[in-house]
Amino acid sequence: MLQGPYRRPLYLLLAFVAGAATVLAFAPFGQGWVPFFTVALLFTLWQRASPRAAFLIGWSWGAGLMGFGVFWLHNSIAQFGGLNLPLAVAITLLFALALALFYGAVGWVANRFLPPGKVRLLLGYPALWVLVEWLRSWLFTGFTWLSLGYSQVDTPLAGFAPLLGVYGLGLLVTGGAALLTAWRSGWIALLPLLFLAGWGLQQQWSRPAGPSFTVALVQPNIPQVLKWRPEQFEPTLELLMALSREHPEAELVIWPETAVPAFADQVESAVLEPLHRLFGRERRTLLLGIAVREADGRYYNAMIKLGAFGRGRYFKRHLVPFGEYMPLKPLLRPLIDLLAIPMSEFSAGEEARPLLELDGYPAGISICYEDTFGEEVARALPEAAFLVNASNDAWFGDSLAPHQHLEMARLRALETGRYLLRATNTGISAIIDEQGRVVGRLEQFRKGVVAGKVEPRQGMTPYARWPDWPVVLLALFMLGLGFSASVKGARPPDPAP
């Protein structure tokens, strides 16, 4: 049973509103200060709650965050899954409620197993929060959206990103929220020091690996509903070529994910080979997105390199569940038949070694939401001199998703100390420097080219060398201290002599 005031729905509503307000911390709003207060409010509500009450409060907070933060999923489910809008919204809300369980779990475990007071607040809540965010990044193939660390890409705490990564930033945010919650004890004095340290860490963690070169990121802005229509094929290629010719000085031209709406074997002689010869004569490199069908019948979401430095290809390794492959087919067959999502039987590629060379430099390539997994992107280092992400966020329409995705890409650049080139179909395409700053961009639903200079980099950031494990181990250590205090507090006193 809920205890005391937690019988009242007001407290669950307050938690829900706080979670929803946390969406303002992420792009496009960029109010990185918000989670310090919304998470502090959650911690305050948790402080005197029973384990069951803490679970419900955390679940309500998470429902607010996920319900508003990833509501854009209903757009792709409705438009491309063939479902009516109410059913698409219902599926999206169920998904949000499932993700919210992680936040409920933090409250339940902490209030069930850790002693009340400073131990639970300063050690338990932040440590458990980071562990469940990390767990969410790989459980059921992973979904890293709205991890708290992403909200700090434009704050002084971003200086910690090359050391600690997104989950380390999340630990700092939740730790800061815990300090705010315990403001009467004087611990809050540590919070300004945290920001000062982050500001001081904003330095170069990598160094130039060679001269800069010019790139052109092509954004054709082709609506998803038109993209795969046969009559659209020729106009699509003509548009891509016309945009590519706008910047003849570009040594590297990148087209977005599945820019060529066909299987590679269908257009090898008519499209790919002529492009290879053309860009070779111009001493330029073209990297384009296309689906590849192998002789064994499997097909892959791929990026193909053509032009001056020979041919090569990269196959996407981390597939989108329900979008590019269907997990648990025997159990979920009714849902799979209901959704009827096209092109949803891709195979996963193998580890990309050696890396694809673009304009003479090894590049760490990712497709679509692969760049939302920091540890996977960091595997391309130290060889990768820069990063490339090709995406098609047209699936999500005019929503928060493309802005959130760009924010995550910015943190990947910060974590690795590498430029990241983001070529998308409908936006937001961008050139991001090694400090996570956007130095060139093209907004959504505009056709055009993002052109600019890219500086190849070398060297390893601490995060690239030891990705997420140091933060995970630190969180486990903090949790161990909390459990130790709990056991010590429960031990009966020694008998008097």
Protein backbone atom coordinates (compact mmCIF):
# COMPACT_ATOMS: atom_id res chain seq x y z
CA MET A 1 0.00 0.00 0.00
CA LEU A 2 1.06 3.58 -0.59
CA GLN A 3 1.99 5.32 2.61
CA GLY A 4 0.94 8.73 3.92
CA PRO A 5 0.49 11.43 1.31
CA TYR A 6 1.48 9.07 -1.50
CA ARG A 7 -2.07 7.76 -1.47
CA ARG A 8 -2.95 10.97 -3.24
CA PRO A 9 -2.74 11.01 -7.06
CA LEU A 10 -1.28 14.51 -6.80
CA TYR A 11 2.19 13.14 -6.13
CA LEU A 12 2.07 10.81 -9.13
CA LEU A 13 0.85 13.71 -11.25
CA LEU A 14 3.68 15.89 -9.96
CA ALA A 15 6.21 13.21 -10.90
CA PHE A 16 4.63 12.86 -14.37
CA VAL A 17 4.82 16.62 -14.98
CA ALA A 18 8.45 16.70 -13.82
CA GLY A 19 9.33 13.90 -16.22
CA ALA A 20 7.54 15.63 -19.08
CA ALA A 21 9.35 18.90 -18.30
CA THR A 22 12.68 17.07 -18.57
CA VAL A 23 12.13 16.85 -22.34
CA LEU A 24 13.00 20.57 -22.38
CA ALA A 25 16.58 19.63 -21.46
CA PHE A 26 17.11 17.97 -24.84
CA ALA A 27 17.24 19.35 -28.38
CA PRO A 28 15.72 21.41 -29.86
CA PHE A 29 15.03 23.18 -26.54
CA GLY A 30 18.51 22.75 -25.05
CA GLN A 31 17.71 23.74 -21.46
CA GLY A 32 20.42 21.65 -19.84
CA TRP A 33 19.72 23.03 -16.36
CA VAL A 34 16.23 21.51 -16.25
CA PRO A 35 17.07 17.91 -15.21
CA PHE A 36 18.93 19.06 -12.12
CA PHE A 37 15.62 20.31 -10.76
CA THR A 38 13.20 17.76 -12.22
CA VAL A 39 15.35 14.86 -11.04
CA ALA A 40 15.83 16.57 -7.66
CA LEU A 41 12.05 16.75 -7.36
CA LEU A 42 11.82 13.04 -8.13
CA PHE A 43 14.46 12.26 -5.50
CA THR A 44 12.52 14.36 -2.99
CA LEU A 45 9.33 12.41 -3.70
CA TRP A 46 11.26 9.16 -3.34
CA GLN A 47 12.87 10.07 -0.02
CA ARG A 48 10.06 8.96 2.31
CA ALA A 49 8.19 6.64 -0.02
CA SER A 50 7.75 2.92 0.46
CA PRO A 51 9.39 0.72 -2.21
CA ARG A 52 6.04 0.28 -3.98
CA ALA A 53 5.30 3.98 -3.83
CA ALA A 54 8.80 4.76 -5.12
CA PHE A 55 8.21 2.42 -8.05
CA LEU A 56 4.94 4.12 -9.00
CA ILE A 57 6.44 7.59 -8.62
CA GLY A 58 9.45 6.66 -10.76
CA TRP A 59 7.20 5.02 -13.34
CA SER A 60 5.09 8.17 -13.50
CA TRP A 61 8.20 10.32 -13.95
CA GLY A 62 9.48 8.05 -16.71
CA ALA A 63 6.07 8.00 -18.40
CA GLY A 64 6.18 11.79 -18.60
CA LEU A 65 9.69 11.80 -20.05
CA MET A 66 9.16 9.03 -22.58
CA GLY A 67 5.54 9.81 -23.36
CA PHE A 68 6.43 13.31 -24.53
CA GLY A 69 10.04 12.68 -25.54
CA VAL A 70 9.52 9.82 -28.01
CA PHE A 71 5.92 10.48 -29.00
CA TRP A 72 7.24 11.02 -32.53
CA LEU A 73 7.36 7.23 -32.98
CA HIS A 74 3.64 7.20 -33.71
CA ASN A 75 4.30 9.02 -36.98
CA SER A 76 6.34 6.21 -38.53
CA ILE A 77 4.03 3.52 -37.11
CA ALA A 78 0.96 5.20 -38.60
CA GLN A 79 2.38 6.28 -41.96
CA PHE A 80 4.63 3.36 -42.78
CA GLY A 81 3.20 0.58 -40.63
CA GLY A 82 -0.22 1.04 -42.19
CA LEU A 83 -2.05 1.47 -38.87
CA ASN A 84 -4.73 4.01 -38.06
CA LEU A 85 -3.64 6.94 -35.91
CA PRO A 86 -5.33 5.88 -32.62
CA LEU A 87 -3.72 2.43 -32.76
CA ALA A 88 -0.32 3.93 -33.63
CA VAL A 89 -0.60 6.32 -30.68
CA ALA A 90 -1.62 3.45 -28.39
CA ILE A 91 1.41 1.37 -29.41
CA THR A 92 3.70 4.37 -28.88
CA LEU A 93 2.29 5.02 -25.41
CA LEU A 94 2.68 1.36 -24.46
CA PHE A 95 6.31 1.57 -25.57
CA ALA A 96 6.77 4.71 -23.46
CA LEU A 97 5.22 3.01 -20.43
CA ALA A 98 7.55 0.04 -20.91
CA LEU A 99 10.59 2.34 -20.99
CA ALA A 100 9.28 4.13 -17.89
CA LEU A 101 9.62 0.88 -15.94
CA PHE A 102 13.37 1.49 -15.77
CA TYR A 103 12.81 4.61 -13.68
CA GLY A 104 10.33 2.82 -11.48
CA ALA A 105 12.94 0.11 -10.92
CA VAL A 106 15.46 2.68 -9.64
CA GLY A 107 13.04 3.87 -6.97
CA TRP A 108 11.97 0.39 -5.93
CA VAL A 109 15.47 -1.10 -5.63
CA ALA A 110 16.89 1.92 -3.79
CA ASN A 111 14.03 2.18 -1.30
CA ARG A 112 13.85 -1.57 -0.81
CA PHE A 113 17.53 -2.31 -0.18
CA LEU A 114 19.29 0.92 0.82
CA PRO A 115 18.99 2.79 4.13
CA PRO A 116 17.14 6.11 4.06
CA GLY A 117 19.12 9.31 4.27
CA LYS A 118 22.32 10.51 2.64
CA VAL A 119 23.52 7.05 1.57
CA ARG A 120 20.43 6.35 -0.48
CA LEU A 121 20.25 9.88 -1.87
CA LEU A 122 23.90 10.58 -2.73
CA LEU A 123 25.02 7.06 -3.66
CA GLY A 124 22.02 4.88 -4.38
CA TYR A 125 19.82 6.98 -6.65
CA PRO A 126 22.61 8.26 -8.97
CA ALA A 127 24.33 4.87 -9.21
CA LEU A 128 21.15 2.95 -9.95
CA TRP A 129 20.05 5.59 -12.47
CA VAL A 130 23.25 5.22 -14.47
CA LEU A 131 23.10 1.44 -14.34
CA VAL A 132 19.55 1.30 -15.70
CA GLU A 133 20.41 3.81 -18.46
CA TRP A 134 23.36 1.63 -19.41
CA LEU A 135 21.15 -1.47 -19.23
CA ARG A 136 18.61 0.24 -21.49
CA SER A 137 21.37 0.81 -24.05
CA TRP A 138 21.78 -2.90 -24.81
CA LEU A 139 18.75 -4.77 -23.46
CA PHE A 140 16.59 -5.98 -26.39
CA THR A 141 19.26 -4.48 -28.74
CA GLY A 142 19.12 -1.14 -26.92
CA PHE A 143 17.38 2.22 -26.98
CA THR A 144 19.53 5.09 -25.74
CA TRP A 145 17.20 8.00 -26.50
CA LEU A 146 16.82 10.60 -23.74
CA SER A 147 19.69 9.38 -21.60
CA LEU A 148 20.32 12.34 -19.31
CA GLY A 149 23.91 12.89 -20.42
CA TYR A 150 22.82 14.07 -23.87
CA SER A 151 21.18 17.10 -22.30
CA GLN A 152 24.59 18.46 -21.27
CA VAL A 153 26.18 18.81 -24.71
CA ASP A 154 25.92 22.63 -24.48
CA THR A 155 26.76 23.04 -20.78
CA PRO A 156 30.14 23.19 -19.01
CA LEU A 157 29.68 19.53 -18.04
CA ALA A 158 30.30 18.65 -21.70
CA GLY A 159 33.98 18.89 -20.81
CA PHE A 160 33.61 15.52 -19.07
CA ALA A 161 32.32 13.78 -22.23
CA PRO A 162 35.76 12.79 -23.63
CA LEU A 163 36.54 11.20 -20.26
CA LEU A 164 33.28 9.67 -19.09
CA GLY A 165 30.91 9.50 -22.06
CA VAL A 166 27.16 9.92 -21.97
CA TYR A 167 26.61 7.74 -18.88
CA GLY A 168 29.30 9.58 -16.96
CA LEU A 169 27.50 12.82 -17.76
CA GLY A 170 24.29 11.18 -16.56
CA LEU A 171 26.00 10.29 -13.29
CA LEU A 172 27.06 13.92 -12.86
CA VAL A 173 23.53 15.18 -13.56
CA THR A 174 21.89 12.78 -11.11
CA GLY A 175 24.65 13.42 -8.59
CA GLY A 176 24.04 17.15 -8.98
CA ALA A 177 20.32 16.60 -8.49
CA ALA A 178 21.09 14.66 -5.31
CA LEU A 179 23.21 17.57 -4.05
CA LEU A 180 20.30 19.94 -4.72
CA THR A 181 17.98 17.62 -2.82
CA ALA A 182 20.36 17.65 0.16
CA TRP A 183 20.88 21.41 0.02
CA ARG A 184 20.41 21.88 3.75
CA SER A 185 23.43 19.73 4.54
CA GLY A 186 25.86 22.00 2.70
CA TRP A 187 26.70 19.40 0.05
CA ILE A 188 25.28 21.76 -2.57
CA ALA A 189 28.53 23.74 -2.40
CA LEU A 190 30.10 20.99 -4.53
CA LEU A 191 27.80 21.74 -7.48
CA PRO A 192 29.59 24.91 -8.72
CA LEU A 193 32.90 23.05 -8.45
CA LEU A 194 31.48 20.38 -10.75
CA PHE A 195 30.69 22.94 -13.43
CA LEU A 196 34.06 24.65 -13.00
CA ALA A 197 35.82 21.32 -13.47
CA GLY A 198 33.81 20.63 -16.62
CA TRP A 199 34.69 24.03 -18.00
CA GLY A 200 38.36 23.41 -17.27
CA LEU A 201 38.28 20.07 -19.10
CA GLN A 202 37.09 21.62 -22.37
CA GLN A 203 40.36 21.11 -24.19
CA GLN A 204 41.74 19.27 -27.22
CA TRP A 205 41.96 15.52 -26.68
CA SER A 206 43.07 14.74 -30.24
CA ARG A 207 45.44 16.33 -32.73
CA PRO A 208 45.48 16.87 -36.51
CA ALA A 209 46.37 13.82 -38.60
CA GLY A 210 46.86 15.66 -41.89
CA PRO A 211 45.66 18.58 -44.00
CA SER A 212 41.99 19.52 -44.07
CA PHE A 213 39.86 18.52 -47.05
CA THR A 214 36.50 19.67 -48.41
CA VAL A 215 33.31 17.64 -48.07
CA ALA A 216 29.81 18.01 -49.49
CA LEU A 217 26.87 16.40 -47.66
CA VAL A 218 23.91 16.07 -50.01
CA GLN A 219 20.39 16.44 -48.58
CA PRO A 220 17.84 15.64 -51.34
CA ASN A 221 14.73 16.09 -49.14
CA ILE A 222 12.67 13.35 -50.76
CA PRO A 223 9.48 12.50 -48.82
CA GLN A 224 9.47 8.95 -47.51
CA VAL A 225 6.11 8.23 -49.13
CA LEU A 226 7.64 8.96 -52.56
CA LYS A 227 11.11 7.53 -52.05
CA TRP A 228 10.51 3.97 -53.25
CA ARG A 229 8.04 4.64 -56.05
CA PRO A 230 9.43 3.39 -59.39
CA GLU A 231 8.56 6.63 -61.19
CA GLN A 232 10.64 8.53 -58.61
CA PHE A 233 13.89 6.67 -59.36
CA GLU A 234 15.18 8.79 -62.26
CA PRO A 235 14.20 12.15 -60.71
CA THR A 236 15.93 11.09 -57.48
CA LEU A 237 19.21 10.31 -59.24
CA GLU A 238 19.05 13.51 -61.27
CA LEU A 239 18.52 15.54 -58.11
CA LEU A 240 21.39 13.83 -56.27
CA MET A 241 23.74 14.46 -59.19
CA ALA A 242 22.64 18.07 -59.59
CA LEU A 243 23.27 18.77 -55.90
CA SER A 244 26.64 17.00 -56.04
CA ARG A 245 27.74 19.23 -58.93
CA GLU A 246 27.08 22.38 -56.90
CA HIS A 247 30.42 21.93 -55.11
CA PRO A 248 32.98 20.59 -57.60
CA GLU A 249 35.75 21.48 -55.15
CA ALA A 250 34.52 18.85 -52.66
CA GLU A 251 36.94 15.94 -52.49
CA LEU A 252 34.41 13.78 -50.63
CA VAL A 253 30.69 13.73 -51.46
CA ILE A 254 28.28 11.86 -49.19
CA TRP A 255 24.72 10.86 -50.05
CA PRO A 256 22.39 9.78 -47.22
CA GLU A 257 21.14 6.38 -46.12
CA THR A 258 19.41 4.45 -48.97
CA ALA A 259 19.84 7.51 -51.20
CA VAL A 260 19.61 5.23 -54.25
CA PRO A 261 16.18 3.54 -53.94
CA ALA A 262 17.11 0.15 -55.36
CA PHE A 263 19.20 -2.95 -54.69
CA ALA A 264 22.83 -2.53 -55.71
CA ASP A 265 22.77 -5.53 -58.05
CA GLN A 266 19.81 -4.03 -59.93
CA VAL A 267 21.67 -0.82 -60.77
CA GLU A 268 25.32 -1.91 -60.90
CA SER A 269 25.84 -1.39 -64.64
CA ALA A 270 23.37 1.47 -65.10
CA VAL A 271 24.21 3.57 -62.04
CA LEU A 272 27.03 2.43 -59.75
CA GLU A 273 29.72 1.71 -62.33
CA PRO A 274 29.12 4.97 -64.25
CA LEU A 275 29.26 6.89 -60.95
CA HIS A 276 32.49 5.11 -60.06
CA ARG A 277 34.10 6.11 -63.36
CA LEU A 278 32.78 9.69 -63.19
CA PHE A 279 34.03 10.41 -59.67
CA GLY A 280 37.29 8.62 -60.45
CA ARG A 281 37.94 10.93 -63.41
CA GLU A 282 37.20 13.93 -61.19
CA ARG A 283 39.58 12.61 -58.51
CA ARG A 284 36.77 12.67 -55.99
CA THR A 285 35.16 10.08 -53.69
CA LEU A 286 31.45 9.37 -53.44
CA LEU A 287 29.91 7.56 -50.47
CA LEU A 288 26.27 6.62 -51.02
CA GLY A 289 23.56 4.69 -49.23
CA ILE A 290 21.91 1.73 -50.94
CA ALA A 291 20.48 -1.71 -50.11
CA VAL A 292 22.76 -4.62 -51.04
CA ARG A 293 21.41 -8.07 -51.86
CA GLU A 294 23.88 -10.94 -51.67
CA ALA A 295 23.86 -14.19 -53.63
CA ASP A 296 22.57 -16.12 -50.60
CA GLY A 297 19.41 -13.99 -50.56
CA ARG A 298 20.31 -11.90 -47.53
CA TYR A 299 20.26 -8.15 -47.89
CA TYR A 300 21.93 -5.33 -46.03
CA ASN A 301 21.59 -1.63 -45.36
CA ALA A 302 24.88 -0.42 -46.82
CA MET A 303 27.12 2.50 -47.68
CA ILE A 304 29.16 2.06 -50.87
CA LYS A 305 32.33 3.96 -51.74
CA LEU A 306 33.01 4.86 -55.36
CA GLY A 307 35.52 7.01 -57.20
CA ALA A 308 39.15 8.04 -56.88
CA PHE A 309 40.28 5.67 -54.12
CA GLY A 310 38.61 2.52 -55.40
CA ARG A 311 35.47 0.76 -54.29
CA GLY A 312 34.42 -0.42 -50.87
CA ARG A 313 31.34 -0.97 -48.74
CA TYR A 314 30.08 -0.90 -45.17
CA PHE A 315 27.14 -3.00 -43.94
CA LYS A 316 25.04 -1.75 -41.05
CA ARG A 317 25.63 -3.89 -37.96
CA HIS A 318 23.16 -2.61 -35.35
CA LEU A 319 19.71 -2.99 -36.85
CA VAL A 320 16.54 -1.23 -35.72
CA PRO A 321 14.12 -3.76 -34.15
CA PHE A 322 10.74 -3.79 -35.92
CA GLY A 323 12.17 -1.39 -38.50
CA GLU A 324 14.97 -3.42 -40.13
CA TYR A 325 14.47 -6.81 -38.55
CA MET A 326 11.78 -8.54 -36.53
CA PRO A 327 12.83 -9.97 -33.15
CA LEU A 328 11.08 -12.98 -31.58
CA LYS A 329 9.28 -13.82 -34.81
CA PRO A 330 7.34 -16.87 -33.54
CA LEU A 331 5.95 -14.91 -30.56
CA LEU A 332 5.32 -11.64 -32.36
CA ARG A 333 3.98 -12.90 -35.69
CA PRO A 334 0.53 -11.25 -35.23
CA LEU A 335 2.16 -7.87 -34.54
CA ILE A 336 4.58 -8.31 -37.45
CA ASP A 337 1.70 -9.04 -39.81
CA LEU A 338 -0.23 -6.07 -38.43
CA LEU A 339 2.61 -3.58 -38.85
CA ALA A 340 3.63 -4.78 -42.33
CA ILE A 341 6.68 -2.49 -42.33
CA PRO A 342 8.50 -2.56 -45.69
CA MET A 343 12.18 -3.54 -45.92
CA SER A 344 12.12 -5.08 -42.44
CA GLU A 345 14.20 -8.21 -43.02
CA PHE A 346 17.74 -6.86 -43.25
CA SER A 347 20.71 -8.87 -42.02
CA ALA A 348 23.38 -7.43 -39.73
CA GLY A 349 26.85 -6.83 -41.14
CA GLU A 350 30.12 -8.01 -39.65
CA GLU A 351 32.65 -5.93 -37.75
CA ALA A 352 34.07 -3.32 -40.15
CA ARG A 353 37.80 -4.08 -40.22
CA PRO A 354 39.80 -2.66 -41.87
CA LEU A 355 37.93 0.63 -41.90
CA LEU A 356 36.74 2.08 -45.17
CA GLU A 357 39.13 4.75 -46.43
CA LEU A 358 37.58 7.99 -47.66
CA ASP A 359 39.81 10.52 -49.39
CA GLY A 360 42.81 8.61 -48.09
CA TYR A 361 41.79 8.53 -44.42
CA PRO A 362 40.12 5.68 -42.48
CA ALA A 363 36.58 6.64 -41.49
CA GLY A 364 34.32 5.30 -38.76
CA ILE A 365 31.00 4.83 -40.55
CA SER A 366 27.59 4.37 -38.97
CA ILE A 367 24.13 4.20 -40.47
CA CYS A 368 21.01 5.70 -38.90
CA TYR A 369 20.71 5.07 -35.17
CA GLU A 370 24.05 3.23 -34.92
CA ASP A 371 25.54 6.56 -33.88
CA THR A 372 23.38 6.57 -30.74
CA PHE A 373 25.61 3.86 -29.23
CA GLY A 374 28.78 5.52 -27.98
CA GLU A 375 30.79 2.38 -27.30
CA GLU A 376 30.13 1.03 -30.81
CA VAL A 377 31.20 4.30 -32.44
CA ALA A 378 34.35 4.41 -30.30
CA ARG A 379 35.44 1.00 -31.61
CA ALA A 380 36.53 2.70 -34.84
CA LEU A 381 39.32 4.45 -32.93
CA PRO A 382 42.26 4.93 -33.00
CA GLU A 383 42.27 4.14 -36.74
CA ALA A 384 39.38 6.43 -37.71
CA ALA A 385 40.46 9.97 -38.62
CA PHE A 386 36.85 11.16 -38.74
CA LEU A 387 33.32 9.78 -38.38
CA VAL A 388 30.44 9.55 -40.86
CA ASN A 389 26.77 8.98 -40.12
CA ALA A 390 24.28 8.53 -42.94
CA SER A 391 20.66 8.62 -41.89
CA ASN A 392 17.08 8.97 -43.06
CA ASP A 393 14.99 10.64 -40.37
CA ALA A 394 12.14 11.21 -42.83
CA TRP A 395 10.39 8.35 -41.03
CA PHE A 396 9.66 10.67 -38.10
CA GLY A 397 8.35 13.72 -39.93
CA ASP A 398 8.43 17.19 -38.42
CA SER A 399 9.11 16.12 -34.84
CA LEU A 400 11.68 16.23 -32.06
CA ALA A 401 13.45 13.11 -33.37
CA PRO A 402 15.86 14.69 -35.91
CA HIS A 403 16.91 17.35 -33.39
CA GLN A 404 17.47 14.73 -30.69
CA HIS A 405 19.41 12.56 -33.15
CA LEU A 406 21.71 15.45 -34.09
CA GLU A 407 22.33 16.13 -30.39
CA MET A 408 23.41 12.52 -29.90
CA ALA A 409 25.75 12.76 -32.89
CA ARG A 410 27.34 15.85 -31.34
CA LEU A 411 28.14 13.90 -28.19
CA ARG A 412 29.75 11.13 -30.29
CA ALA A 413 32.10 13.75 -31.77
CA LEU A 414 32.94 15.00 -28.27
CA GLU A 415 33.51 11.51 -26.86
CA THR A 416 35.93 10.56 -29.64
CA GLY A 417 37.61 13.88 -30.46
CA ARG A 418 36.69 13.44 -34.12
CA TYR A 419 34.78 15.38 -36.75
CA LEU A 420 31.43 13.76 -37.51
CA LEU A 421 29.77 14.21 -40.91
CA ARG A 422 26.02 13.64 -40.83
CA ALA A 423 24.29 13.24 -44.20
CA THR A 424 20.52 12.81 -44.04
CA ASN A 425 17.65 12.61 -46.51
CA THR A 426 15.35 15.29 -45.09
CA GLY A 427 17.58 16.84 -42.40
CA ILE A 428 19.22 17.75 -40.20
CA SER A 429 22.50 17.30 -42.12
CA ALA A 430 25.55 18.72 -40.37
CA ILE A 431 29.31 18.97 -40.10
CA ILE A 432 30.28 18.61 -36.43
CA ASP A 433 33.81 19.36 -35.26
CA GLU A 434 35.84 17.44 -32.68
CA GLN A 435 34.47 19.66 -29.89
CA GLY A 436 30.87 18.74 -30.71
CA ARG A 437 30.17 22.12 -32.30
CA VAL A 438 27.98 22.28 -35.40
CA VAL A 439 30.06 24.19 -37.96
CA GLY A 440 27.70 23.65 -40.88
CA ARG A 441 24.09 22.48 -41.10
CA LEU A 442 21.02 22.32 -43.31
CA GLU A 443 17.64 22.38 -41.61
CA GLN A 444 14.81 19.91 -42.11
CA PHE A 445 12.80 19.70 -45.32
CA ARG A 446 15.22 21.74 -47.41
CA LYS A 447 17.08 20.34 -50.38
CA GLY A 448 20.68 21.42 -50.63
CA VAL A 449 24.27 20.71 -49.68
CA VAL A 450 26.29 21.23 -46.50
CA ALA A 451 29.84 21.96 -47.64
CA GLY A 452 32.86 22.69 -45.52
CA LYS A 453 36.33 21.72 -44.37
CA VAL A 454 37.06 18.61 -42.32
CA GLU A 455 40.24 18.13 -40.34
CA PRO A 456 41.31 14.49 -39.92
CA ARG A 457 42.30 13.79 -36.31
CA GLN A 458 44.40 11.25 -34.43
CA GLY A 459 44.81 10.24 -30.80
CA MET A 460 42.55 8.61 -28.25
CA THR A 461 40.28 10.26 -25.71
CA PRO A 462 40.01 8.43 -22.37
CA TYR A 463 36.43 7.48 -23.29
CA ALA A 464 37.50 6.00 -26.63
CA ARG A 465 40.16 3.93 -24.85
CA TRP A 466 37.92 2.61 -22.03
CA PRO A 467 34.33 3.35 -23.13
CA ASP A 468 31.49 2.76 -20.68
CA TRP A 469 33.02 0.30 -18.23
CA PRO A 470 34.77 2.75 -15.88
CA VAL A 471 31.47 4.55 -15.22
CA VAL A 472 29.59 1.27 -14.85
CA LEU A 473 32.18 0.00 -12.37
CA LEU A 474 32.08 3.30 -10.48
CA ALA A 475 28.30 3.04 -10.22
CA LEU A 476 28.59 -0.54 -8.97
CA PHE A 477 31.17 0.58 -6.40
CA MET A 478 28.85 3.36 -5.21
CA LEU A 479 26.04 0.85 -4.97
CA GLY A 480 28.29 -1.54 -3.06
CA LEU A 481 29.03 1.20 -0.53
CA GLY A 482 25.32 1.80 -0.16
CA PHE A 483 24.55 -1.87 0.41
CA SER A 484 27.45 -2.12 2.85
CA ALA A 485 26.00 0.76 4.85
CA SER A 486 22.63 -0.97 4.80
CA VAL A 487 24.07 -4.23 6.15
CA LYS A 488 26.11 -2.39 8.77
CA GLY A 489 23.05 -0.46 9.90
CA ALA A 490 21.01 -3.64 10.20
CA ARG A 491 23.65 -5.49 12.27
CA PRO A 492 22.72 -5.82 15.97
CA PRO A 493 25.06 -3.99 18.38
CA ASP A 494 27.84 -5.94 20.03
CA PRO A 495 26.89 -7.20 23.52
CA ALA A 496 28.30 -5.31 26.46
CA PRO A 497 31.32 -6.96 28.09
